[in-house]
Amino acid sequence: CIAVYAFQNGDPRRLSRGYDFGGRLCGVDPGVEDKPWLYWCGAGSIGADGIPAGLDLKFPTCVDECPSDVFTEVLCLGLEKVEVDSSGKAPFRTVQTEVTQSDVKQMSYPTLQMGGLFCIPQLGERRLPGKDALTESLLGPNGPVGNNYSRLIRAVGGLYRCWPVVLASLGLSVVLGYAYLLMLRMNPRLLVQATLLALPFAAFGVGAFFLLGEVLSGHRLYMWETSNPLYHQFDPRTAVLISRGVAIAFGLLGLALLCAAVCLQESVRNSIGCARAACEVIFSVPSLLLQPLVEALWKSCVGALVTATLIWLLSTAHEANDYISVQGIEVGGLTRTFVFSDEGKTMVACCLFGLLWIMEFATALSQFVVTYTVVLWYYTPKPKGSGPHIPLIRGLIVGVLFHTGTLAMGAFLLSTLRVLRVLLGLLERIETGQNSLCTAISVCSAGCCEPCRRNVELVHKNAYIEVCISSASFCEAAQNAAEFIADEGGRVLCLTGACFVFSSACVLGISAVAGGATYAALCSGGGLADER
């Protein structure tokens, strides 16, 4: 029902385009279909150089191109004119208030294009957002471009505009995953050690790049700012702060990875043994090589459907009149903005939870199929190097026909706990002086929720083994798994940590390569992405 409502009433172009003071979608609606850029008119006095003292942040206008001088005429919203006419005598006195607001032509100020959507002030030689008050009023945390809600909406709308690049990134990740698996079979020790050593130095390199601005000056500083993506999205002061934060974060990440690579050699040796055993199973049952591809396709299709529903749902905001106060009377209808209803917000929350639940269910089903295949391989009499017939299809049929409820229950528990963890994280951001009750609740609940989530995540993975062997219900299987972990906790945790080492190395390495390739593709242009 939510999807039907979203596709019938939404328009994703609302998330990747701006609205003028009349509620028209720039570059789409009649009258502004050839004006894709959003421009904020000047407000207040005009200086001798043609630069306004401020900007009309509430009522922007659509333009066909961003003006680069102070001589271009731009159609703006004029000041309202109020006429009050009273007649008659009390108690039958009649007061008629007439409010008019007209379009006026105003001379422009120099601007530059940003994000394919906006015209922001350019008051110097730099082709980057400046440090002037006009730019900061737009890109600051309270500005119409820089506030968190606006950035979130543009990010979601950006998925709609660059879906080919996202799809190519997913394909590249799958290819890299197979390449990693083949190299893991040939020489697991060299691959794991090399990955664990390369990742911290890569993190140090990224952190060093974002810290270069602290030591550079002049033209080199300008070139660094041009290559830093943060300076294209934020005002300079905010970009400097975020660059420092990113540098510190990557520095700490690199330090943690380096310490792990040096100090966890015992776990690394165990992980290499686990990798050899996993490769023996995988290449004894070649159909297991198809499992990552099938899972990626399944998650991509389902995720794309739910994400598309979310994008269309976010674009269902309705048009509402703006109101002004005239002699104590609220008068509306001169301008319009778009408002997201409470029902829409509820549907967005349901859609997000549904997306999380579906992805958790897909992961649970995949884990069940792999576990079922390994159980068949282990218990099937066989010569060395052979395995059971079509185990993936058999595992999928058994999982869907007989254990859908079990998998859905485990996925629901994990999804719920993840949502609770996010909500508690939001509560922790509230300062104690502002709301001591929220702080107390978050501190007390976090101590219960996070260990519970970790235990459920550990138990439910091992519960699927019990389900495969005995076909028990989820609660019974989870109880048996919990008892087994309590009896053999040291060995289970040791193997879990060992597997975590090389799986984390794989995930981080592939994410770094695919993410870097995606960013390079978006920045290179060539039809994949440009300023628009």
Protein backbone atom coordinates (compact mmCIF):
# COMPACT_ATOMS: atom_id res chain seq x y z
CA CYS A 1 0.00 0.00 0.00
CA ILE A 2 2.83 2.39 0.85
CA ALA A 3 4.54 1.65 -2.46
CA VAL A 4 1.33 2.21 -4.44
CA TYR A 5 0.71 5.51 -2.66
CA ALA A 6 4.31 6.62 -3.23
CA PHE A 7 4.37 5.81 -6.95
CA GLN A 8 0.98 7.43 -7.53
CA ASN A 9 1.69 10.67 -5.66
CA GLY A 10 5.47 11.12 -5.70
CA ASP A 11 7.90 12.68 -8.12
CA PRO A 12 11.60 12.04 -7.36
CA ARG A 13 12.59 15.16 -9.27
CA ARG A 14 11.35 17.08 -6.23
CA LEU A 15 14.34 15.70 -4.32
CA SER A 16 16.93 16.73 -6.90
CA ARG A 17 15.53 20.11 -7.94
CA GLY A 18 14.75 23.37 -6.19
CA TYR A 19 11.47 25.32 -5.87
CA ASP A 20 10.98 28.99 -6.51
CA PHE A 21 8.84 31.36 -4.45
CA GLY A 22 5.74 30.29 -6.40
CA GLY A 23 6.16 26.59 -5.60
CA ARG A 24 7.31 25.76 -9.14
CA LEU A 25 9.89 23.01 -9.62
CA CYS A 26 12.90 24.53 -11.40
CA GLY A 27 13.56 22.91 -14.75
CA VAL A 28 10.33 20.87 -14.65
CA ASP A 29 7.11 22.84 -14.11
CA PRO A 30 5.54 25.00 -16.84
CA GLY A 31 7.02 28.46 -16.99
CA VAL A 32 10.38 27.38 -15.54
CA GLU A 33 11.07 24.23 -17.57
CA ASP A 34 14.12 25.93 -19.12
CA LYS A 35 15.35 27.38 -15.80
CA PRO A 36 16.98 24.57 -13.80
CA TRP A 37 19.05 26.67 -11.38
CA LEU A 38 17.89 28.06 -8.02
CA TYR A 39 19.01 31.62 -7.27
CA TRP A 40 18.50 33.67 -4.08
CA CYS A 41 17.74 37.32 -4.75
CA GLY A 42 19.37 40.10 -2.81
CA ALA A 43 17.75 41.71 0.20
CA GLY A 44 18.47 45.00 1.94
CA SER A 45 20.80 47.66 0.66
CA ILE A 46 23.01 47.29 -2.40
CA GLY A 47 26.67 48.23 -2.16
CA ALA A 48 28.63 50.34 -4.62
CA ASP A 49 30.04 47.15 -6.13
CA GLY A 50 26.52 45.80 -6.76
CA ILE A 51 26.68 43.20 -3.97
CA PRO A 52 23.59 43.06 -1.70
CA ALA A 53 23.90 43.24 2.07
CA GLY A 54 21.89 40.04 2.47
CA LEU A 55 19.86 37.40 0.65
CA ASP A 56 16.16 36.62 0.60
CA LEU A 57 16.60 33.07 1.93
CA LYS A 58 12.89 32.27 2.04
CA PHE A 59 11.85 33.08 -1.54
CA PRO A 60 14.38 31.97 -4.19
CA THR A 61 13.76 32.11 -7.93
CA CYS A 62 14.56 29.90 -10.94
CA VAL A 63 17.09 31.06 -13.55
CA ASP A 64 18.28 29.58 -16.84
CA GLU A 65 21.93 29.99 -15.86
CA CYS A 66 23.83 31.27 -12.88
CA PRO A 67 24.73 34.95 -13.40
CA SER A 68 28.41 35.78 -13.30
CA ASP A 69 28.16 39.59 -13.15
CA VAL A 70 26.11 42.41 -11.63
CA PHE A 71 24.36 43.41 -14.86
CA THR A 72 21.94 40.50 -15.41
CA GLU A 73 18.26 41.09 -14.64
CA VAL A 74 16.64 38.45 -12.44
CA LEU A 75 12.92 38.12 -11.71
CA CYS A 76 12.42 38.24 -7.92
CA LEU A 77 9.54 38.45 -5.49
CA GLY A 78 8.83 42.04 -4.45
CA LEU A 79 7.78 43.35 -1.05
CA GLU A 80 4.16 42.91 -0.09
CA LYS A 81 1.87 45.95 -0.26
CA VAL A 82 -0.90 46.18 2.32
CA GLU A 83 -4.01 48.33 1.93
CA VAL A 84 -6.58 48.48 4.72
CA ASP A 85 -10.03 49.94 4.02
CA SER A 86 -12.61 50.34 6.77
CA SER A 87 -16.21 51.43 6.46
CA GLY A 88 -19.29 51.67 8.62
CA LYS A 89 -19.65 52.38 12.29
CA ALA A 90 -19.47 50.13 15.30
CA PRO A 91 -20.81 47.58 15.91
CA PHE A 92 -21.21 47.06 12.15
CA ARG A 93 -17.76 48.19 11.15
CA THR A 94 -16.20 46.40 8.13
CA VAL A 95 -12.45 46.11 7.65
CA GLN A 96 -11.11 44.96 4.29
CA THR A 97 -7.40 44.08 4.07
CA GLU A 98 -5.84 43.69 0.62
CA VAL A 99 -2.33 42.30 0.36
CA THR A 100 -0.56 42.28 -3.00
CA GLN A 101 2.89 41.11 -3.90
CA SER A 102 4.36 41.47 -7.38
CA ASP A 103 7.34 40.21 -9.30
CA VAL A 104 10.16 42.72 -9.72
CA LYS A 105 13.35 42.66 -11.74
CA GLN A 106 16.54 42.95 -9.76
CA MET A 107 20.16 43.21 -10.84
CA SER A 108 22.19 40.11 -10.13
CA TYR A 109 25.39 39.46 -8.19
CA PRO A 110 28.21 37.08 -9.30
CA THR A 111 27.50 33.41 -8.59
CA LEU A 112 28.89 29.96 -9.34
CA GLN A 113 27.13 26.66 -9.89
CA MET A 114 26.96 24.16 -7.06
CA GLY A 115 25.76 20.58 -7.09
CA GLY A 116 23.80 20.97 -10.32
CA LEU A 117 21.08 22.79 -8.38
CA PHE A 118 22.12 26.10 -6.84
CA CYS A 119 23.67 29.44 -7.69
CA ILE A 120 25.79 30.52 -4.72
CA PRO A 121 27.70 33.81 -4.35
CA GLN A 122 31.16 34.11 -5.85
CA LEU A 123 32.65 37.31 -4.51
CA GLY A 124 36.30 36.59 -5.30
CA GLU A 125 38.59 34.83 -7.74
CA ARG A 126 38.06 31.38 -6.20
CA ARG A 127 35.87 28.83 -7.95
CA LEU A 128 34.87 27.55 -4.53
CA PRO A 129 32.37 28.67 -1.87
CA GLY A 130 33.82 31.72 -0.14
CA LYS A 131 34.04 32.91 3.46
CA ASP A 132 31.68 35.84 2.98
CA ALA A 133 28.46 36.33 4.96
CA LEU A 134 26.22 35.70 1.93
CA THR A 135 27.70 32.26 1.27
CA GLU A 136 27.63 31.29 4.93
CA SER A 137 23.96 32.28 5.15
CA LEU A 138 23.23 29.69 2.43
CA LEU A 139 25.69 26.90 3.31
CA GLY A 140 25.71 27.29 7.08
CA PRO A 141 24.01 24.71 9.32
CA ASN A 142 20.85 26.84 9.41
CA GLY A 143 20.89 27.89 5.76
CA PRO A 144 18.52 26.57 3.08
CA VAL A 145 21.35 24.65 1.39
CA GLY A 146 23.49 23.64 4.36
CA ASN A 147 20.90 22.39 6.85
CA ASN A 148 20.87 18.65 7.58
CA TYR A 149 17.40 18.03 6.15
CA SER A 150 18.27 19.65 2.84
CA ARG A 151 21.49 17.68 2.54
CA LEU A 152 19.67 14.42 3.36
CA ILE A 153 16.99 15.04 0.76
CA ARG A 154 19.59 15.92 -1.89
CA ALA A 155 21.58 12.79 -1.03
CA VAL A 156 18.52 10.58 -1.48
CA GLY A 157 17.63 12.39 -4.69
CA GLY A 158 21.21 11.93 -5.87
CA LEU A 159 20.68 8.15 -5.85
CA TYR A 160 17.96 8.67 -8.43
CA ARG A 161 20.29 10.71 -10.63
CA CYS A 162 23.39 8.49 -10.43
CA TRP A 163 21.89 4.99 -10.27
CA PRO A 164 24.06 3.70 -13.17
CA VAL A 165 27.20 4.46 -11.16
CA VAL A 166 25.77 2.79 -8.05
CA LEU A 167 24.84 -0.29 -10.10
CA ALA A 168 28.32 -0.42 -11.62
CA SER A 169 29.81 -0.14 -8.13
CA LEU A 170 27.79 -3.14 -6.98
CA GLY A 171 29.01 -5.15 -9.96
CA LEU A 172 32.61 -4.16 -9.26
CA SER A 173 32.22 -5.25 -5.63
CA VAL A 174 31.00 -8.69 -6.73
CA VAL A 175 33.93 -9.10 -9.14
CA LEU A 176 36.41 -8.03 -6.45
CA GLY A 177 34.81 -10.50 -4.03
CA TYR A 178 35.42 -13.40 -6.44
CA ALA A 179 38.96 -12.22 -7.09
CA TYR A 180 39.63 -12.09 -3.34
CA LEU A 181 38.23 -15.61 -2.95
CA LEU A 182 40.45 -17.02 -5.70
CA MET A 183 43.54 -15.35 -4.25
CA LEU A 184 42.54 -16.63 -0.82
CA ARG A 185 42.61 -20.16 -2.17
CA MET A 186 46.05 -19.76 -3.74
CA ASN A 187 47.88 -18.13 -0.82
CA PRO A 188 45.69 -17.21 2.18
CA ARG A 189 48.60 -16.21 4.43
CA LEU A 190 50.07 -13.70 1.98
CA LEU A 191 46.67 -12.23 1.10
CA VAL A 192 45.48 -11.79 4.69
CA GLN A 193 48.79 -10.35 5.88
CA ALA A 194 49.07 -7.99 2.91
CA THR A 195 45.50 -6.77 3.32
CA LEU A 196 45.90 -6.20 7.06
CA LEU A 197 49.06 -4.17 6.45
CA ALA A 198 47.74 -2.22 3.45
CA LEU A 199 44.53 -1.05 5.09
CA PRO A 200 46.10 0.95 7.98
CA PHE A 201 48.53 2.71 5.65
CA ALA A 202 45.67 3.54 3.28
CA ALA A 203 43.76 5.01 6.24
CA PHE A 204 46.84 7.02 7.24
CA GLY A 205 47.11 8.29 3.66
CA VAL A 206 43.50 9.50 3.59
CA GLY A 207 43.94 11.17 6.98
CA ALA A 208 47.14 12.86 5.84
CA PHE A 209 45.39 14.25 2.75
CA PHE A 210 42.69 15.91 4.83
CA LEU A 211 45.35 17.39 7.14
CA LEU A 212 47.42 18.93 4.34
CA GLY A 213 45.44 22.15 4.58
CA GLU A 214 47.02 22.84 7.96
CA VAL A 215 50.52 23.18 6.46
CA LEU A 216 49.89 24.46 2.93
CA SER A 217 49.53 28.08 1.88
CA GLY A 218 49.08 30.21 -1.21
CA HIS A 219 48.41 28.50 -4.53
CA ARG A 220 49.08 25.02 -3.11
CA LEU A 221 46.42 25.58 -0.48
CA TYR A 222 43.97 26.65 -3.17
CA MET A 223 44.73 23.55 -5.27
CA TRP A 224 44.21 21.35 -2.19
CA GLU A 225 40.89 23.02 -1.45
CA THR A 226 39.85 22.49 -5.07
CA SER A 227 40.62 18.75 -4.83
CA ASN A 228 38.95 18.41 -1.41
CA PRO A 229 35.26 17.49 -1.99
CA LEU A 230 34.22 19.02 1.33
CA TYR A 231 35.03 22.52 0.05
CA HIS A 232 32.54 22.01 -2.77
CA GLN A 233 29.72 21.16 -0.37
CA PHE A 234 30.25 23.35 2.72
CA ASP A 235 31.31 26.86 3.54
CA PRO A 236 35.08 27.16 4.22
CA ARG A 237 34.82 27.26 8.02
CA THR A 238 32.66 24.14 8.14
CA ALA A 239 34.85 22.41 5.54
CA VAL A 240 37.95 23.04 7.67
CA LEU A 241 36.32 21.57 10.78
CA ILE A 242 35.00 18.52 8.93
CA SER A 243 38.39 17.97 7.26
CA ARG A 244 40.06 17.91 10.66
CA GLY A 245 37.44 15.51 11.99
CA VAL A 246 37.83 13.19 8.99
CA ALA A 247 41.62 13.28 9.35
CA ILE A 248 41.43 12.39 13.04
CA ALA A 249 38.89 9.62 12.37
CA PHE A 250 41.00 8.00 9.64
CA GLY A 251 44.14 8.41 11.74
CA LEU A 252 42.53 6.58 14.66
CA LEU A 253 41.17 3.93 12.28
CA GLY A 254 44.61 3.38 10.79
CA LEU A 255 46.15 3.16 14.26
CA ALA A 256 43.54 0.62 15.35
CA LEU A 257 44.06 -1.47 12.20
CA LEU A 258 47.83 -1.35 12.61
CA CYS A 259 47.61 -2.44 16.26
CA ALA A 260 45.26 -5.25 15.25
CA ALA A 261 47.63 -6.41 12.50
CA VAL A 262 50.59 -6.45 14.91
CA CYS A 263 48.98 -7.67 18.13
CA LEU A 264 46.48 -10.24 16.84
CA GLN A 265 48.90 -12.56 15.09
CA GLU A 266 47.44 -15.59 16.89
CA SER A 267 43.99 -14.74 15.59
CA VAL A 268 45.52 -14.13 12.15
CA ARG A 269 47.03 -17.63 12.17
CA ASN A 270 43.66 -19.08 13.21
CA SER A 271 41.93 -17.05 10.50
CA ILE A 272 44.28 -18.49 7.89
CA GLY A 273 43.34 -21.98 9.03
CA CYS A 274 39.65 -21.06 8.83
CA ALA A 275 40.22 -19.64 5.36
CA ARG A 276 41.82 -22.88 4.17
CA ALA A 277 38.93 -24.92 5.58
CA ALA A 278 36.38 -22.57 3.97
CA CYS A 279 38.14 -22.81 0.61
CA GLU A 280 38.10 -26.62 0.86
CA VAL A 281 34.33 -26.58 1.32
CA ILE A 282 33.67 -23.94 -1.33
CA PHE A 283 35.72 -25.57 -4.06
CA SER A 284 34.41 -29.02 -3.14
CA VAL A 285 30.90 -27.65 -3.73
CA PRO A 286 31.41 -25.34 -6.74
CA SER A 287 27.80 -24.13 -6.62
CA LEU A 288 28.74 -22.22 -3.48
CA LEU A 289 30.66 -19.86 -5.76
CA LEU A 290 27.30 -18.68 -7.11
CA GLN A 291 25.93 -17.88 -3.65
CA PRO A 292 27.53 -14.40 -3.30
CA LEU A 293 26.33 -13.45 -6.79
CA VAL A 294 22.79 -14.67 -6.14
CA GLU A 295 22.71 -12.90 -2.77
CA ALA A 296 24.03 -9.68 -4.31
CA LEU A 297 21.41 -9.81 -7.09
CA TRP A 298 18.63 -10.58 -4.62
CA LYS A 299 19.61 -7.82 -2.23
CA SER A 300 20.16 -5.38 -5.07
CA CYS A 301 16.71 -6.01 -6.57
CA VAL A 302 14.88 -5.88 -3.25
CA GLY A 303 16.96 -2.95 -2.02
CA ALA A 304 16.40 -1.06 -5.27
CA LEU A 305 12.64 -1.61 -5.05
CA VAL A 306 12.40 -0.47 -1.43
CA THR A 307 14.82 2.42 -2.01
CA ALA A 308 12.80 3.55 -5.02
CA THR A 309 9.67 3.40 -2.87
CA LEU A 310 11.42 5.50 -0.23
CA ILE A 311 12.58 8.06 -2.82
CA TRP A 312 9.10 8.38 -4.30
CA LEU A 313 7.59 8.52 -0.80
CA LEU A 314 9.90 11.36 0.26
CA SER A 315 8.76 13.26 -2.82
CA THR A 316 5.06 13.19 -1.87
CA ALA A 317 5.22 16.44 0.10
CA HIS A 318 2.11 18.55 -0.48
CA GLU A 319 1.93 22.22 -1.36
CA ALA A 320 0.84 24.64 1.37
CA ASN A 321 0.33 28.40 1.44
CA ASP A 322 2.71 30.66 3.33
CA TYR A 323 1.16 33.08 5.82
CA ILE A 324 2.12 36.56 6.91
CA SER A 325 0.75 38.63 9.78
CA VAL A 326 -0.97 41.90 8.80
CA GLN A 327 -2.27 43.97 11.71
CA GLY A 328 -2.63 40.81 13.78
CA ILE A 329 -4.40 38.90 11.00
CA GLU A 330 -2.79 35.85 9.32
CA VAL A 331 -3.05 36.19 5.54
CA GLY A 332 -2.00 33.35 3.23
CA GLY A 333 -1.76 32.53 -0.45
CA LEU A 334 0.97 34.84 -1.73
CA THR A 335 3.71 32.19 -1.78
CA ARG A 336 3.82 28.42 -1.32
CA THR A 337 6.12 25.86 0.24
CA PHE A 338 6.07 22.06 0.44
CA VAL A 339 5.21 20.33 3.70
CA PHE A 340 5.65 16.67 4.64
CA SER A 341 2.62 15.35 6.54
CA ASP A 342 2.71 13.31 9.75
CA GLU A 343 1.22 10.35 7.85
CA GLY A 344 4.04 10.65 5.33
CA LYS A 345 6.64 10.66 8.09
CA THR A 346 5.05 7.53 9.57
CA MET A 347 5.15 5.81 6.19
CA VAL A 348 8.82 6.77 5.78
CA ALA A 349 9.62 5.24 9.18
CA CYS A 350 7.75 2.05 8.24
CA CYS A 351 9.53 1.94 4.88
CA LEU A 352 12.95 2.31 6.51
CA PHE A 353 12.21 -0.42 9.05
CA GLY A 354 10.83 -2.63 6.26
CA LEU A 355 14.02 -2.12 4.26
CA LEU A 356 16.13 -3.07 7.28
CA TRP A 357 13.96 -6.12 8.03
CA ILE A 358 14.03 -7.34 4.42
CA MET A 359 17.81 -6.99 4.24
CA GLU A 360 18.21 -8.84 7.54
CA PHE A 361 15.89 -11.57 6.26
CA ALA A 362 17.90 -11.85 3.02
CA THR A 363 21.09 -12.18 5.08
CA ALA A 364 19.47 -14.78 7.34
CA LEU A 365 18.23 -16.80 4.35
CA SER A 366 21.69 -16.65 2.79
CA GLN A 367 23.31 -17.80 6.03
CA PHE A 368 20.80 -20.64 6.28
CA VAL A 369 21.48 -21.80 2.72
CA VAL A 370 25.25 -21.76 3.26
CA THR A 371 24.88 -23.57 6.59
CA TYR A 372 22.55 -26.15 5.02
CA THR A 373 25.08 -26.71 2.22
CA VAL A 374 27.96 -27.18 4.67
CA VAL A 375 25.88 -29.61 6.75
CA LEU A 376 25.07 -31.63 3.61
CA TRP A 377 28.73 -31.59 2.62
CA TYR A 378 29.87 -32.69 6.08
CA TYR A 379 27.40 -35.53 6.53
CA THR A 380 27.43 -36.83 2.96
CA PRO A 381 29.77 -39.81 2.39
CA LYS A 382 32.07 -38.75 -0.39
CA PRO A 383 35.53 -39.08 -1.82
CA LYS A 384 37.85 -36.16 -1.31
CA GLY A 385 36.97 -33.14 -3.41
CA SER A 386 33.35 -34.06 -4.11
CA GLY A 387 30.13 -32.84 -2.53
CA PRO A 388 26.33 -33.10 -2.54
CA HIS A 389 24.22 -32.36 -5.62
CA ILE A 390 22.58 -28.91 -6.09
CA PRO A 391 22.92 -28.02 -2.38
CA LEU A 392 22.06 -24.34 -2.86
CA ILE A 393 18.72 -25.07 -4.50
CA ARG A 394 17.93 -27.70 -1.86
CA GLY A 395 18.84 -25.29 0.92
CA LEU A 396 16.78 -22.49 -0.62
CA ILE A 397 13.71 -24.73 -1.00
CA VAL A 398 14.00 -26.03 2.57
CA GLY A 399 14.56 -22.53 3.96
CA VAL A 400 11.63 -20.93 2.12
CA LEU A 401 9.12 -23.77 2.53
CA PHE A 402 9.85 -24.86 6.09
CA HIS A 403 11.80 -22.15 7.92
CA THR A 404 10.55 -18.77 6.66
CA GLY A 405 9.03 -17.94 10.04
CA THR A 406 12.23 -18.91 11.84
CA LEU A 407 14.35 -16.70 9.60
CA ALA A 408 11.86 -13.82 9.78
CA MET A 409 11.82 -14.00 13.59
CA GLY A 410 15.61 -13.78 13.81
CA ALA A 411 15.70 -10.94 11.28
CA PHE A 412 12.97 -9.06 13.17
CA LEU A 413 14.83 -9.31 16.49
CA LEU A 414 18.04 -8.01 14.98
CA SER A 415 16.25 -5.21 13.10
CA THR A 416 14.42 -4.09 16.22
CA LEU A 417 17.61 -4.03 18.28
CA ARG A 418 19.43 -2.06 15.59
CA VAL A 419 16.64 0.53 15.54
CA LEU A 420 16.74 0.77 19.34
CA ARG A 421 20.49 1.29 19.22
CA VAL A 422 20.07 4.16 16.74
CA LEU A 423 17.35 5.77 18.89
CA LEU A 424 19.52 5.48 21.99
CA GLY A 425 22.38 7.05 20.06
CA LEU A 426 20.15 10.01 19.26
CA LEU A 427 19.19 10.31 22.92
CA GLU A 428 22.85 10.33 23.94
CA ARG A 429 23.39 13.45 21.81
CA ILE A 430 21.04 15.42 24.03
CA GLU A 431 23.06 17.24 26.65
CA THR A 432 22.43 16.44 30.27
CA GLY A 433 21.67 20.06 31.07
CA GLN A 434 18.98 20.17 28.40
CA ASN A 435 17.17 16.95 29.22
CA SER A 436 18.48 14.89 32.10
CA LEU A 437 15.66 12.34 31.77
CA CYS A 438 16.62 11.45 28.19
CA THR A 439 20.26 11.19 29.21
CA ALA A 440 19.44 8.88 32.10
CA ILE A 441 17.25 6.69 29.90
CA SER A 442 19.89 6.46 27.18
CA VAL A 443 22.70 5.61 29.61
CA CYS A 444 20.67 2.93 31.39
CA SER A 445 19.21 1.43 28.23
CA ALA A 446 22.44 1.40 26.23
CA GLY A 447 24.00 -0.92 28.80
CA CYS A 448 21.18 -3.41 28.19
CA CYS A 449 20.51 -3.00 24.47
CA GLU A 450 24.02 -3.27 23.02
CA PRO A 451 25.08 -6.50 24.85
CA CYS A 452 21.67 -7.97 24.02
CA ARG A 453 22.12 -7.13 20.33
CA ARG A 454 25.59 -8.68 20.23
CA ASN A 455 24.40 -11.85 21.97
CA VAL A 456 21.39 -12.20 19.68
CA GLU A 457 23.60 -11.64 16.63
CA LEU A 458 26.02 -14.33 17.80
CA VAL A 459 23.30 -16.76 18.87
CA HIS A 460 21.13 -16.44 15.80
CA LYS A 461 24.01 -17.30 13.44
CA ASN A 462 24.67 -20.51 15.38
CA ALA A 463 20.94 -21.17 15.75
CA TYR A 464 20.68 -21.79 12.01
CA ILE A 465 23.08 -24.73 12.37
CA GLU A 466 20.70 -26.25 14.92
CA VAL A 467 17.76 -25.52 12.61
CA CYS A 468 19.50 -27.26 9.70
CA ILE A 469 20.30 -30.36 11.77
CA SER A 470 17.16 -30.77 13.88
CA SER A 471 14.57 -28.48 12.16
CA ALA A 472 13.84 -26.86 15.52
CA SER A 473 11.95 -23.60 15.90
CA PHE A 474 13.92 -20.39 16.24
CA CYS A 475 13.38 -20.06 20.00
CA GLU A 476 14.38 -23.68 20.64
CA ALA A 477 17.36 -23.48 18.30
CA ALA A 478 18.47 -20.19 19.86
CA GLN A 479 18.24 -21.70 23.33
CA ASN A 480 20.30 -24.73 22.29
CA ALA A 481 22.85 -22.44 20.60
CA ALA A 482 23.08 -20.27 23.70
CA GLU A 483 23.71 -23.33 25.88
CA PHE A 484 26.38 -24.56 23.47
CA ILE A 485 28.09 -21.17 23.44
CA ALA A 486 27.97 -21.08 27.25
CA ASP A 487 29.67 -24.51 27.41
CA GLU A 488 32.17 -23.91 24.61
CA GLY A 489 32.30 -20.13 24.73
CA GLY A 490 36.08 -19.82 24.49
CA ARG A 491 36.40 -21.92 21.36
CA VAL A 492 33.37 -20.35 19.69
CA LEU A 493 34.61 -16.84 20.36
CA CYS A 494 38.11 -17.76 19.17
CA LEU A 495 36.79 -19.12 15.86
CA THR A 496 34.41 -16.17 15.51
CA GLY A 497 37.25 -13.72 16.05
CA ALA A 498 39.46 -15.61 13.61
CA CYS A 499 36.80 -15.53 10.91
CA PHE A 500 36.18 -11.86 11.68
CA VAL A 501 39.81 -11.03 10.88
CA PHE A 502 39.92 -12.18 7.26
CA SER A 503 36.26 -11.35 6.54
CA SER A 504 36.82 -7.79 7.82
CA ALA A 505 39.98 -7.51 5.75
CA CYS A 506 37.98 -8.62 2.71
CA VAL A 507 35.09 -6.22 3.34
CA LEU A 508 37.31 -3.21 4.10
CA GLY A 509 39.58 -3.86 1.14
CA ILE A 510 36.74 -4.29 -1.35
CA SER A 511 34.88 -1.29 0.08
CA ALA A 512 37.97 0.90 -0.23
CA VAL A 513 38.65 -0.11 -3.85
CA ALA A 514 35.00 0.05 -4.99
CA GLY A 515 34.39 3.32 -3.13
CA GLY A 516 37.49 4.91 -4.62
CA ALA A 517 36.56 3.77 -8.11
CA THR A 518 33.03 5.13 -7.70
CA TYR A 519 34.27 8.50 -6.49
CA ALA A 520 36.75 8.68 -9.37
CA ALA A 521 33.98 7.88 -11.85
CA LEU A 522 31.70 10.57 -10.42
CA CYS A 523 34.46 13.18 -10.50
CA SER A 524 35.73 12.33 -13.97
CA GLY A 525 32.58 13.39 -15.81
CA GLY A 526 32.29 11.67 -19.15
CA GLY A 527 28.50 11.50 -18.92
CA LEU A 528 28.49 9.76 -15.54
CA ALA A 529 28.33 12.97 -13.53
CA ASP A 530 28.97 16.66 -14.01
CA GLU A 531 28.16 19.91 -12.28
CA ARG A 532 24.49 19.22 -12.94
